[in-house]
């Protein structure tokens, strides 16, 4: 029981360090979301304050960070690996909220939502986009630690 609690604190600390060092990846966020979800459903000690909403936000952050990673590879419009949100998250409404915010800040444009679960957009300011996502990840991690 204490081991799981210590592991989650250690994982959160490591993720925060990666955010600070600008090295966090979408795969790491997705793995963390999966671990949170599993422990939340099992009602593991130390995870009492984790909500479905928290898990869904981390799924969303993983998706949008993956879009940035694809942007850097020149594959931003790869629908199979970066456009289809259905395999990446439980709730598209959070993605829509976040993309709307990024569009309002002019960090993305040409946003297109397709009925079959595809979300495409251009990243106009990659460094600011990344900074914005990392800030949100940091705030969510800190919320869980409180």
C-alpha atoms as a PDB file:
ATOM      1  CA  UNK A   1       0.000   0.000   0.000  1.00  0.00           C
ATOM      2  CA  UNK A   2       2.714   2.512   0.977  1.00  0.00           C
ATOM      3  CA  UNK A   3       4.820   1.273  -1.934  1.00  0.00           C
ATOM      4  CA  UNK A   4       2.129   2.275  -4.470  1.00  0.00           C
ATOM      5  CA  UNK A   5       1.798   5.690  -2.878  1.00  0.00           C
ATOM      6  CA  UNK A   6       5.576   6.218  -2.976  1.00  0.00           C
ATOM      7  CA  UNK A   7       5.702   5.037  -6.595  1.00  0.00           C
ATOM      8  CA  UNK A   8       3.038   7.537  -7.640  1.00  0.00           C
ATOM      9  CA  UNK A   9       4.850  10.407  -5.896  1.00  0.00           C
ATOM     10  CA  UNK A  10       8.105   9.307  -7.530  1.00  0.00           C
ATOM     11  CA  UNK A  11       6.453   9.126 -10.962  1.00  0.00           C
ATOM     12  CA  UNK A  12       4.881  12.565 -10.546  1.00  0.00           C
ATOM     13  CA  UNK A  13       8.222  14.014  -9.431  1.00  0.00           C
ATOM     14  CA  UNK A  14       9.955  12.455 -12.445  1.00  0.00           C
ATOM     15  CA  UNK A  15       7.323  13.830 -14.815  1.00  0.00           C
ATOM     16  CA  UNK A  16       7.628  17.300 -13.277  1.00  0.00           C
ATOM     17  CA  UNK A  17      11.390  17.105 -13.753  1.00  0.00           C
ATOM     18  CA  UNK A  18      10.895  16.184 -17.414  1.00  0.00           C
ATOM     19  CA  UNK A  19       8.512  19.124 -17.828  1.00  0.00           C
ATOM     20  CA  UNK A  20      11.139  21.410 -16.283  1.00  0.00           C
ATOM     21  CA  UNK A  21      13.854  19.943 -18.539  1.00  0.00           C
ATOM     22  CA  UNK A  22      11.617  20.179 -21.622  1.00  0.00           C
ATOM     23  CA  UNK A  23      11.934  16.428 -22.281  1.00  0.00           C
ATOM     24  CA  UNK A  24       8.478  15.020 -21.492  1.00  0.00           C
ATOM     25  CA  UNK A  25       6.968  12.862 -24.255  1.00  0.00           C
ATOM     26  CA  UNK A  26       3.407  12.011 -25.192  1.00  0.00           C
ATOM     27  CA  UNK A  27       4.132   8.328 -24.522  1.00  0.00           C
ATOM     28  CA  UNK A  28       5.130   9.109 -20.944  1.00  0.00           C
ATOM     29  CA  UNK A  29       1.964  11.114 -20.358  1.00  0.00           C
ATOM     30  CA  UNK A  30      -0.176   8.328 -21.858  1.00  0.00           C
ATOM     31  CA  UNK A  31       1.501   5.738 -19.621  1.00  0.00           C
ATOM     32  CA  UNK A  32       0.921   7.948 -16.583  1.00  0.00           C
ATOM     33  CA  UNK A  33      -2.752   8.401 -17.518  1.00  0.00           C
ATOM     34  CA  UNK A  34      -3.081   4.629 -17.789  1.00  0.00           C
ATOM     35  CA  UNK A  35      -1.477   4.102 -14.392  1.00  0.00           C
ATOM     36  CA  UNK A  36      -3.753   6.729 -12.848  1.00  0.00           C
ATOM     37  CA  UNK A  37      -6.830   5.180 -14.391  1.00  0.00           C
ATOM     38  CA  UNK A  38      -5.934   1.681 -13.236  1.00  0.00           C
ATOM     39  CA  UNK A  39      -5.246   2.777  -9.667  1.00  0.00           C
ATOM     40  CA  UNK A  40      -8.329   4.988  -9.566  1.00  0.00           C
ATOM     41  CA  UNK A  41     -10.599   2.105 -10.603  1.00  0.00           C
ATOM     42  CA  UNK A  42      -8.921  -0.229  -8.102  1.00  0.00           C
ATOM     43  CA  UNK A  43      -9.340   2.480  -5.456  1.00  0.00           C
ATOM     44  CA  UNK A  44      -5.688   2.085  -4.541  1.00  0.00           C
ATOM     45  CA  UNK A  45      -4.486   3.987  -1.468  1.00  0.00           C
ATOM     46  CA  UNK A  46      -3.013   7.348  -2.418  1.00  0.00           C
ATOM     47  CA  UNK A  47      -5.260   7.691  -5.445  1.00  0.00           C
ATOM     48  CA  UNK A  48      -8.446   8.701  -3.650  1.00  0.00           C
ATOM     49  CA  UNK A  49      -8.270  12.246  -4.997  1.00  0.00           C
ATOM     50  CA  UNK A  50      -7.710  11.187  -8.613  1.00  0.00           C
ATOM     51  CA  UNK A  51     -10.840  11.616 -10.706  1.00  0.00           C
ATOM     52  CA  UNK A  52     -11.939  10.406 -14.104  1.00  0.00           C
ATOM     53  CA  UNK A  53     -11.616  14.045 -15.156  1.00  0.00           C
ATOM     54  CA  UNK A  54      -7.900  14.053 -14.184  1.00  0.00           C
ATOM     55  CA  UNK A  55      -7.272  10.917 -16.246  1.00  0.00           C
ATOM     56  CA  UNK A  56      -9.087  12.390 -19.248  1.00  0.00           C
ATOM     57  CA  UNK A  57      -7.038  15.589 -19.095  1.00  0.00           C
ATOM     58  CA  UNK A  58      -3.787  13.586 -19.154  1.00  0.00           C
ATOM     59  CA  UNK A  59      -5.112  11.612 -22.126  1.00  0.00           C
ATOM     60  CA  UNK A  60      -5.816  14.939 -23.836  1.00  0.00           C
ATOM     61  CA  UNK A  61      -2.345  16.308 -23.064  1.00  0.00           C
ATOM     62  CA  UNK A  62      -0.798  13.143 -24.461  1.00  0.00           C
ATOM     63  CA  UNK A  63      -2.779  13.536 -27.689  1.00  0.00           C
ATOM     64  CA  UNK A  64      -1.853  17.183 -28.265  1.00  0.00           C
ATOM     65  CA  UNK A  65       1.799  16.576 -27.379  1.00  0.00           C
ATOM     66  CA  UNK A  66       1.824  13.694 -29.857  1.00  0.00           C
ATOM     67  CA  UNK A  67       0.588  16.156 -32.481  1.00  0.00           C
ATOM     68  CA  UNK A  68       3.640  18.336 -31.734  1.00  0.00           C
ATOM     69  CA  UNK A  69       5.991  15.359 -31.996  1.00  0.00           C
ATOM     70  CA  UNK A  70       4.452  14.536 -35.387  1.00  0.00           C
ATOM     71  CA  UNK A  71       4.831  18.197 -36.397  1.00  0.00           C
ATOM     72  CA  UNK A  72       8.571  18.008 -35.725  1.00  0.00           C
ATOM     73  CA  UNK A  73       8.767  14.820 -37.824  1.00  0.00           C
ATOM     74  CA  UNK A  74       6.854  16.494 -40.656  1.00  0.00           C
ATOM     75  CA  UNK A  75       3.889  14.147 -40.154  1.00  0.00           C
ATOM     76  CA  UNK A  76       1.333  16.493 -38.575  1.00  0.00           C
ATOM     77  CA  UNK A  77      -1.422  15.298 -40.929  1.00  0.00           C
ATOM     78  CA  UNK A  78      -0.772  11.589 -40.389  1.00  0.00           C
ATOM     79  CA  UNK A  79      -4.355  10.662 -39.585  1.00  0.00           C
ATOM     80  CA  UNK A  80      -3.522   7.141 -38.464  1.00  0.00           C
ATOM     81  CA  UNK A  81      -0.944   8.104 -35.823  1.00  0.00           C
ATOM     82  CA  UNK A  82      -1.977  11.618 -34.886  1.00  0.00           C
ATOM     83  CA  UNK A  83      -5.416  12.567 -36.055  1.00  0.00           C
ATOM     84  CA  UNK A  84      -7.696   9.885 -34.652  1.00  0.00           C
ATOM     85  CA  UNK A  85      -8.511  10.764 -31.056  1.00  0.00           C
ATOM     86  CA  UNK A  86     -10.774   7.733 -30.433  1.00  0.00           C
ATOM     87  CA  UNK A  87      -7.867   5.439 -29.530  1.00  0.00           C
ATOM     88  CA  UNK A  88      -6.161   8.061 -27.359  1.00  0.00           C
ATOM     89  CA  UNK A  89      -8.862   9.409 -25.062  1.00  0.00           C
ATOM     90  CA  UNK A  90     -12.224   8.793 -23.500  1.00  0.00           C
ATOM     91  CA  UNK A  91     -13.685  12.292 -23.866  1.00  0.00           C
ATOM     92  CA  UNK A  92     -13.282  14.470 -26.946  1.00  0.00           C
ATOM     93  CA  UNK A  93     -14.901  17.478 -25.233  1.00  0.00           C
ATOM     94  CA  UNK A  94     -11.666  18.178 -23.328  1.00  0.00           C
ATOM     95  CA  UNK A  95      -9.718  18.065 -26.572  1.00  0.00           C
ATOM     96  CA  UNK A  96     -12.156  20.526 -28.141  1.00  0.00           C
ATOM     97  CA  UNK A  97     -11.809  22.878 -25.157  1.00  0.00           C
ATOM     98  CA  UNK A  98      -8.028  22.748 -25.301  1.00  0.00           C
ATOM     99  CA  UNK A  99      -7.820  23.145 -29.073  1.00  0.00           C
ATOM    100  CA  UNK A 100     -10.237  26.102 -28.880  1.00  0.00           C
ATOM    101  CA  UNK A 101      -7.952  27.698 -26.291  1.00  0.00           C
ATOM    102  CA  UNK A 102      -4.866  27.055 -28.434  1.00  0.00           C
ATOM    103  CA  UNK A 103      -6.657  28.495 -31.459  1.00  0.00           C
ATOM    104  CA  UNK A 104      -7.731  31.567 -29.492  1.00  0.00           C
ATOM    105  CA  UNK A 105      -4.064  32.122 -28.549  1.00  0.00           C
ATOM    106  CA  UNK A 106      -3.151  31.689 -32.233  1.00  0.00           C
ATOM    107  CA  UNK A 107      -0.967  28.653 -31.487  1.00  0.00           C
ATOM    108  CA  UNK A 108      -2.992  26.520 -33.923  1.00  0.00           C
ATOM    109  CA  UNK A 109      -5.122  27.267 -36.961  1.00  0.00           C
ATOM    110  CA  UNK A 110      -7.103  25.540 -39.694  1.00  0.00           C
ATOM    111  CA  UNK A 111      -8.792  23.305 -37.126  1.00  0.00           C
ATOM    112  CA  UNK A 112     -10.937  20.564 -38.656  1.00  0.00           C
ATOM    113  CA  UNK A 113     -13.129  18.084 -36.788  1.00  0.00           C
ATOM    114  CA  UNK A 114     -14.321  15.094 -38.750  1.00  0.00           C
ATOM    115  CA  UNK A 115     -17.308  12.998 -37.788  1.00  0.00           C
ATOM    116  CA  UNK A 116     -15.339   9.751 -37.767  1.00  0.00           C
ATOM    117  CA  UNK A 117     -13.116  10.843 -34.861  1.00  0.00           C
ATOM    118  CA  UNK A 118     -10.417  12.779 -36.651  1.00  0.00           C
ATOM    119  CA  UNK A 119      -9.050  16.114 -35.412  1.00  0.00           C
ATOM    120  CA  UNK A 120      -6.588  18.002 -37.605  1.00  0.00           C
ATOM    121  CA  UNK A 121      -4.957  21.375 -37.169  1.00  0.00           C
ATOM    122  CA  UNK A 122      -1.808  23.323 -37.991  1.00  0.00           C
ATOM    123  CA  UNK A 123       0.582  24.220 -35.204  1.00  0.00           C
ATOM    124  CA  UNK A 124       1.638  27.803 -35.889  1.00  0.00           C
ATOM    125  CA  UNK A 125       3.912  28.469 -32.905  1.00  0.00           C
ATOM    126  CA  UNK A 126       5.480  25.120 -31.907  1.00  0.00           C
ATOM    127  CA  UNK A 127       7.536  26.375 -28.964  1.00  0.00           C
ATOM    128  CA  UNK A 128       4.666  28.363 -27.450  1.00  0.00           C
ATOM    129  CA  UNK A 129       2.316  25.425 -28.090  1.00  0.00           C
ATOM    130  CA  UNK A 130       4.691  23.122 -26.210  1.00  0.00           C
ATOM    131  CA  UNK A 131       5.090  25.614 -23.385  1.00  0.00           C
ATOM    132  CA  UNK A 132       1.306  25.915 -23.058  1.00  0.00           C
ATOM    133  CA  UNK A 133       0.841  22.127 -22.920  1.00  0.00           C
ATOM    134  CA  UNK A 134       3.680  21.678 -20.429  1.00  0.00           C
ATOM    135  CA  UNK A 135       2.160  24.368 -18.171  1.00  0.00           C
ATOM    136  CA  UNK A 136      -1.118  22.479 -18.161  1.00  0.00           C
ATOM    137  CA  UNK A 137       0.623  19.172 -17.445  1.00  0.00           C
ATOM    138  CA  UNK A 138       2.544  20.776 -14.576  1.00  0.00           C
ATOM    139  CA  UNK A 139      -0.628  22.243 -13.048  1.00  0.00           C
ATOM    140  CA  UNK A 140      -2.437  18.895 -13.309  1.00  0.00           C
ATOM    141  CA  UNK A 141       0.475  17.014 -11.741  1.00  0.00           C
ATOM    142  CA  UNK A 142       0.700  19.511  -8.899  1.00  0.00           C
ATOM    143  CA  UNK A 143      -3.068  19.244  -8.343  1.00  0.00           C
ATOM    144  CA  UNK A 144      -2.766  15.478  -7.933  1.00  0.00           C
ATOM    145  CA  UNK A 145       0.103  15.857  -5.468  1.00  0.00           C
ATOM    146  CA  UNK A 146      -1.910  18.225  -3.243  1.00  0.00           C
END
